[in-house]
Amino acid sequence: MAGKEPCLCVPSCTKALGRVQRERHRKRVQAALLTATEKQYEAFPSTILRSPRKQNFQPDQDLRRRISLYFAWIYDRDAAEIRNLIPLTMTRWGKVRIANGGDKIRARCAVT
């Protein structure tokens, strides 16, 4: 089977597929593995957001400042510029898990 490899979308999957078919199959299997309270964005395939979820969360000015400082440090940009990009209303997720059997992380008192 030239150009075909096991999919390995989950450890037990041994389907021999080409690259494009393997990626489509992996996405279908991963989507099926999500629970009703989880969300996975295509831009971040290794990250699965989990409940509790609060839509229309409005962070206070201190939290917006902390978020902007973090991303300013990560992207080497001005914090005020980043703060202007942060929406006034967003969805807040309480847990995250890493896809393909990775860690589960609960965000409880992460802000100090």
N, C-alpha and C. Protein backbone atom coordinates (compact mmCIF):
# COMPACT_ATOMS: atom_id res chain seq x y z
N MET A 1 0.84 -1.19 0.00
CA MET A 1 0.00 0.00 0.00
C MET A 1 0.88 1.25 0.00
N ALA A 2 1.31 1.65 -1.16
CA ALA A 2 2.19 2.80 -1.25
C ALA A 2 1.45 4.06 -0.84
N GLY A 3 2.08 4.86 0.01
CA GLY A 3 1.51 6.13 0.45
C GLY A 3 0.43 6.02 1.49
N LYS A 4 0.17 4.81 1.95
CA LYS A 4 -0.88 4.64 2.96
C LYS A 4 -0.25 4.20 4.27
N GLU A 5 -0.76 4.79 5.35
CA GLU A 5 -0.26 4.50 6.68
C GLU A 5 -1.43 4.30 7.62
N PRO A 6 -1.21 3.65 8.77
CA PRO A 6 -2.29 3.54 9.76
C PRO A 6 -2.75 4.93 10.20
N CYS A 7 -4.04 5.07 10.41
CA CYS A 7 -4.61 6.37 10.79
C CYS A 7 -4.15 6.79 12.18
N LEU A 8 -4.32 5.91 13.18
CA LEU A 8 -3.95 6.18 14.57
C LEU A 8 -4.66 7.39 15.17
N CYS A 9 -5.89 7.68 14.70
CA CYS A 9 -6.67 8.78 15.27
C CYS A 9 -6.96 8.50 16.74
N VAL A 10 -7.11 7.25 17.06
CA VAL A 10 -7.15 6.76 18.44
C VAL A 10 -6.23 5.55 18.45
N PRO A 11 -5.67 5.18 19.60
CA PRO A 11 -4.67 4.11 19.61
C PRO A 11 -5.10 2.81 18.94
N SER A 12 -6.40 2.48 18.95
CA SER A 12 -6.85 1.21 18.39
C SER A 12 -7.13 1.26 16.89
N CYS A 13 -7.06 2.42 16.25
CA CYS A 13 -7.38 2.55 14.84
C CYS A 13 -6.19 2.12 13.98
N THR A 14 -6.44 1.19 13.07
CA THR A 14 -5.38 0.71 12.18
C THR A 14 -5.76 0.83 10.72
N LYS A 15 -6.73 1.69 10.40
CA LYS A 15 -7.14 1.87 9.01
C LYS A 15 -5.95 2.38 8.19
N ALA A 16 -5.71 1.76 7.07
CA ALA A 16 -4.65 2.22 6.16
C ALA A 16 -5.27 3.21 5.19
N LEU A 17 -4.89 4.46 5.32
CA LEU A 17 -5.48 5.53 4.52
C LEU A 17 -4.39 6.44 3.97
N GLY A 18 -4.71 7.11 2.88
CA GLY A 18 -3.83 8.15 2.36
C GLY A 18 -3.88 9.36 3.28
N ARG A 19 -3.02 10.33 3.04
CA ARG A 19 -2.90 11.49 3.94
C ARG A 19 -4.22 12.25 4.08
N VAL A 20 -4.88 12.58 2.97
CA VAL A 20 -6.13 13.36 3.03
C VAL A 20 -7.24 12.56 3.70
N GLN A 21 -7.39 11.30 3.33
CA GLN A 21 -8.42 10.46 3.93
C GLN A 21 -8.15 10.25 5.41
N ARG A 22 -6.88 10.11 5.79
CA ARG A 22 -6.50 9.91 7.18
C ARG A 22 -6.89 11.12 8.03
N GLU A 23 -6.66 12.31 7.49
CA GLU A 23 -7.01 13.54 8.22
C GLU A 23 -8.54 13.67 8.36
N ARG A 24 -9.28 13.39 7.32
CA ARG A 24 -10.74 13.44 7.41
C ARG A 24 -11.27 12.43 8.42
N HIS A 25 -10.73 11.23 8.35
CA HIS A 25 -11.15 10.18 9.29
C HIS A 25 -10.83 10.58 10.73
N ARG A 26 -9.64 11.13 10.96
CA ARG A 26 -9.24 11.54 12.31
C ARG A 26 -10.20 12.60 12.85
N LYS A 27 -10.58 13.56 12.01
CA LYS A 27 -11.51 14.61 12.44
C LYS A 27 -12.87 14.03 12.80
N ARG A 28 -13.37 13.08 11.99
CA ARG A 28 -14.67 12.46 12.29
C ARG A 28 -14.62 11.70 13.61
N VAL A 29 -13.56 10.95 13.82
CA VAL A 29 -13.45 10.17 15.05
C VAL A 29 -13.31 11.08 16.25
N GLN A 30 -12.47 12.12 16.16
CA GLN A 30 -12.29 13.04 17.27
C GLN A 30 -13.59 13.76 17.60
N ALA A 31 -14.34 14.18 16.58
CA ALA A 31 -15.62 14.86 16.82
C ALA A 31 -16.59 13.93 17.52
N ALA A 32 -16.57 12.67 17.18
CA ALA A 32 -17.47 11.70 17.80
C ALA A 32 -17.09 11.45 19.26
N LEU A 33 -15.85 11.70 19.62
CA LEU A 33 -15.39 11.45 20.98
C LEU A 33 -15.71 12.61 21.94
N LEU A 34 -16.20 13.71 21.42
CA LEU A 34 -16.55 14.84 22.28
C LEU A 34 -17.88 14.58 22.98
N THR A 35 -17.98 15.04 24.22
CA THR A 35 -19.24 14.94 24.93
C THR A 35 -20.10 16.15 24.57
N ALA A 36 -21.32 16.15 25.05
CA ALA A 36 -22.25 17.25 24.75
C ALA A 36 -21.81 18.57 25.38
N THR A 37 -20.96 18.52 26.41
CA THR A 37 -20.54 19.74 27.10
C THR A 37 -19.13 20.17 26.70
N GLU A 38 -18.61 19.63 25.60
CA GLU A 38 -17.27 19.98 25.15
C GLU A 38 -17.32 20.67 23.80
N LYS A 39 -16.28 21.48 23.54
CA LYS A 39 -16.18 22.22 22.28
C LYS A 39 -14.73 22.17 21.80
N GLN A 40 -14.55 21.84 20.53
CA GLN A 40 -13.23 21.80 19.93
C GLN A 40 -13.25 22.69 18.70
N TYR A 41 -12.35 23.66 18.65
CA TYR A 41 -12.27 24.56 17.51
C TYR A 41 -11.26 24.02 16.51
N GLU A 42 -11.59 24.10 15.23
CA GLU A 42 -10.74 23.55 14.18
C GLU A 42 -9.34 24.19 14.19
N ALA A 43 -9.27 25.46 14.57
CA ALA A 43 -7.97 26.15 14.61
C ALA A 43 -7.06 25.63 15.72
N PHE A 44 -7.65 24.96 16.72
CA PHE A 44 -6.88 24.44 17.86
C PHE A 44 -7.25 22.98 18.09
N PRO A 45 -6.85 22.07 17.20
CA PRO A 45 -7.32 20.68 17.27
C PRO A 45 -6.86 19.91 18.49
N SER A 46 -5.80 20.34 19.14
CA SER A 46 -5.32 19.59 20.30
C SER A 46 -5.96 20.05 21.60
N THR A 47 -6.82 21.07 21.55
CA THR A 47 -7.43 21.64 22.74
C THR A 47 -8.94 21.42 22.72
N ILE A 48 -9.46 20.87 23.81
CA ILE A 48 -10.90 20.65 23.94
C ILE A 48 -11.37 21.41 25.18
N LEU A 49 -12.26 22.37 24.97
CA LEU A 49 -12.81 23.16 26.07
C LEU A 49 -13.98 22.41 26.67
N ARG A 50 -14.09 22.48 28.02
CA ARG A 50 -15.10 21.69 28.72
C ARG A 50 -15.90 22.57 29.68
N SER A 51 -17.08 22.09 30.03
CA SER A 51 -17.92 22.82 30.98
C SER A 51 -17.26 22.79 32.37
N PRO A 52 -17.60 23.71 33.24
CA PRO A 52 -18.69 24.69 33.12
C PRO A 52 -18.33 25.81 32.15
N ARG A 53 -19.36 26.29 31.49
CA ARG A 53 -19.20 27.33 30.49
C ARG A 53 -20.17 28.46 30.82
N LYS A 54 -19.67 29.67 30.70
CA LYS A 54 -20.53 30.83 30.89
C LYS A 54 -20.43 31.70 29.66
N GLN A 55 -21.53 31.77 28.92
CA GLN A 55 -21.56 32.66 27.77
C GLN A 55 -21.82 34.08 28.26
N ASN A 56 -21.46 35.03 27.47
CA ASN A 56 -21.66 36.45 27.80
C ASN A 56 -20.95 36.85 29.08
N PHE A 57 -19.79 36.27 29.31
CA PHE A 57 -18.97 36.65 30.46
C PHE A 57 -18.32 37.99 30.18
N GLN A 58 -18.39 38.92 31.15
CA GLN A 58 -17.79 40.23 31.00
C GLN A 58 -16.67 40.38 32.04
N PRO A 59 -15.42 40.22 31.60
CA PRO A 59 -14.31 40.32 32.55
C PRO A 59 -14.17 41.76 33.07
N ASP A 60 -13.82 41.89 34.35
CA ASP A 60 -13.62 43.23 34.91
C ASP A 60 -12.30 43.81 34.38
N GLN A 61 -12.06 45.05 34.68
CA GLN A 61 -10.87 45.74 34.15
C GLN A 61 -9.57 45.08 34.61
N ASP A 62 -9.54 44.57 35.84
CA ASP A 62 -8.32 43.92 36.33
C ASP A 62 -8.02 42.65 35.53
N LEU A 63 -9.04 41.85 35.25
CA LEU A 63 -8.82 40.63 34.47
C LEU A 63 -8.42 40.97 33.04
N ARG A 64 -9.05 41.98 32.44
CA ARG A 64 -8.68 42.41 31.10
C ARG A 64 -7.23 42.88 31.07
N ARG A 65 -6.80 43.57 32.12
CA ARG A 65 -5.41 44.02 32.21
C ARG A 65 -4.47 42.82 32.28
N ARG A 66 -4.82 41.82 33.09
CA ARG A 66 -3.97 40.64 33.24
C ARG A 66 -3.89 39.84 31.93
N ILE A 67 -5.01 39.71 31.26
CA ILE A 67 -5.02 39.01 29.97
C ILE A 67 -4.14 39.74 28.97
N SER A 68 -4.28 41.04 28.90
CA SER A 68 -3.49 41.82 27.94
C SER A 68 -2.00 41.76 28.27
N LEU A 69 -1.64 41.77 29.55
CA LEU A 69 -0.23 41.65 29.92
C LEU A 69 0.33 40.29 29.52
N TYR A 70 -0.45 39.25 29.72
CA TYR A 70 0.00 37.91 29.35
C TYR A 70 0.26 37.82 27.84
N PHE A 71 -0.73 38.22 27.03
CA PHE A 71 -0.56 38.12 25.59
C PHE A 71 0.47 39.11 25.06
N ALA A 72 0.63 40.25 25.70
CA ALA A 72 1.69 41.19 25.30
C ALA A 72 3.06 40.55 25.51
N TRP A 73 3.21 39.81 26.60
CA TRP A 73 4.47 39.12 26.88
C TRP A 73 4.70 37.99 25.88
N ILE A 74 3.65 37.20 25.60
CA ILE A 74 3.76 36.07 24.68
C ILE A 74 4.08 36.54 23.26
N TYR A 75 3.39 37.57 22.79
CA TYR A 75 3.54 38.01 21.41
C TYR A 75 4.46 39.23 21.25
N ASP A 76 5.07 39.66 22.33
CA ASP A 76 5.99 40.80 22.31
C ASP A 76 5.34 42.02 21.65
N ARG A 77 4.17 42.37 22.18
CA ARG A 77 3.41 43.52 21.69
C ARG A 77 3.10 44.44 22.87
N ASP A 78 2.57 45.59 22.57
CA ASP A 78 2.19 46.55 23.60
C ASP A 78 0.89 46.09 24.27
N ALA A 79 0.86 46.12 25.61
CA ALA A 79 -0.30 45.64 26.36
C ALA A 79 -1.56 46.44 26.02
N ALA A 80 -1.42 47.74 25.81
CA ALA A 80 -2.59 48.57 25.48
C ALA A 80 -3.17 48.16 24.12
N GLU A 81 -2.30 47.83 23.18
CA GLU A 81 -2.75 47.37 21.87
C GLU A 81 -3.52 46.05 21.99
N ILE A 82 -3.00 45.15 22.82
CA ILE A 82 -3.67 43.87 23.05
C ILE A 82 -5.01 44.08 23.75
N ARG A 83 -5.05 44.96 24.74
CA ARG A 83 -6.27 45.21 25.50
C ARG A 83 -7.40 45.67 24.59
N ASN A 84 -7.06 46.45 23.56
CA ASN A 84 -8.08 46.91 22.61
C ASN A 84 -8.65 45.77 21.77
N LEU A 85 -7.93 44.66 21.68
CA LEU A 85 -8.39 43.50 20.89
C LEU A 85 -9.25 42.53 21.71
N ILE A 86 -9.22 42.66 23.02
CA ILE A 86 -9.98 41.76 23.89
C ILE A 86 -11.45 42.17 23.87
N PRO A 87 -12.34 41.25 23.53
CA PRO A 87 -13.76 41.61 23.48
C PRO A 87 -14.31 41.93 24.88
N LEU A 88 -15.31 42.78 24.93
CA LEU A 88 -15.92 43.13 26.21
C LEU A 88 -16.73 41.96 26.77
N THR A 89 -17.27 41.12 25.87
CA THR A 89 -18.04 39.95 26.26
C THR A 89 -17.44 38.74 25.57
N MET A 90 -17.26 37.66 26.34
CA MET A 90 -16.67 36.44 25.80
C MET A 90 -17.26 35.23 26.48
N THR A 91 -16.92 34.04 26.00
CA THR A 91 -17.32 32.81 26.65
C THR A 91 -16.21 32.38 27.59
N ARG A 92 -16.57 32.02 28.81
CA ARG A 92 -15.59 31.56 29.80
C ARG A 92 -15.79 30.06 29.99
N TRP A 93 -14.72 29.30 29.87
CA TRP A 93 -14.74 27.85 30.06
C TRP A 93 -14.01 27.51 31.35
N GLY A 94 -14.50 26.51 32.06
CA GLY A 94 -13.91 26.15 33.35
C GLY A 94 -12.87 25.05 33.29
N LYS A 95 -12.87 24.27 32.20
CA LYS A 95 -11.93 23.16 32.09
C LYS A 95 -11.43 23.06 30.66
N VAL A 96 -10.29 22.41 30.52
CA VAL A 96 -9.73 22.12 29.20
C VAL A 96 -9.09 20.75 29.27
N ARG A 97 -9.13 20.04 28.16
CA ARG A 97 -8.38 18.79 28.10
C ARG A 97 -7.62 18.75 26.80
N ILE A 98 -6.49 18.09 26.84
CA ILE A 98 -5.66 17.94 25.66
C ILE A 98 -6.16 16.71 24.90
N ALA A 99 -6.38 16.85 23.60
CA ALA A 99 -6.93 15.76 22.78
C ALA A 99 -5.99 14.55 22.77
N ASN A 100 -6.54 13.44 22.34
CA ASN A 100 -5.81 12.18 22.18
C ASN A 100 -5.27 11.66 23.50
N GLY A 101 -6.09 11.75 24.55
CA GLY A 101 -5.70 11.18 25.84
C GLY A 101 -4.78 12.03 26.67
N GLY A 102 -4.71 13.32 26.39
CA GLY A 102 -3.83 14.21 27.15
C GLY A 102 -4.41 14.60 28.50
N ASP A 103 -3.74 15.54 29.15
CA ASP A 103 -4.13 15.98 30.48
C ASP A 103 -5.48 16.69 30.48
N LYS A 104 -6.11 16.69 31.66
CA LYS A 104 -7.33 17.46 31.91
C LYS A 104 -6.96 18.54 32.92
N ILE A 105 -7.33 19.76 32.65
CA ILE A 105 -6.93 20.90 33.48
C ILE A 105 -8.19 21.64 33.91
N ARG A 106 -8.27 21.92 35.21
CA ARG A 106 -9.42 22.67 35.75
C ARG A 106 -8.92 24.05 36.15
N ALA A 107 -9.60 25.08 35.69
CA ALA A 107 -9.23 26.46 36.01
C ALA A 107 -10.10 26.93 37.16
N ARG A 108 -9.57 26.89 38.35
CA ARG A 108 -10.35 27.32 39.50
C ARG A 108 -9.85 28.64 40.04
N CYS A 109 -8.70 28.63 40.60
CA CYS A 109 -8.11 29.85 41.19
C CYS A 109 -6.77 30.11 40.55
N ALA A 110 -6.75 30.21 39.24
CA ALA A 110 -5.49 30.38 38.52
C ALA A 110 -4.98 31.81 38.62
N VAL A 111 -5.86 32.78 38.88
CA VAL A 111 -5.45 34.18 38.96
C VAL A 111 -5.01 34.48 40.38
N THR A 112 -3.79 34.99 40.50
CA THR A 112 -3.27 35.34 41.84
C THR A 112 -3.03 36.82 41.95
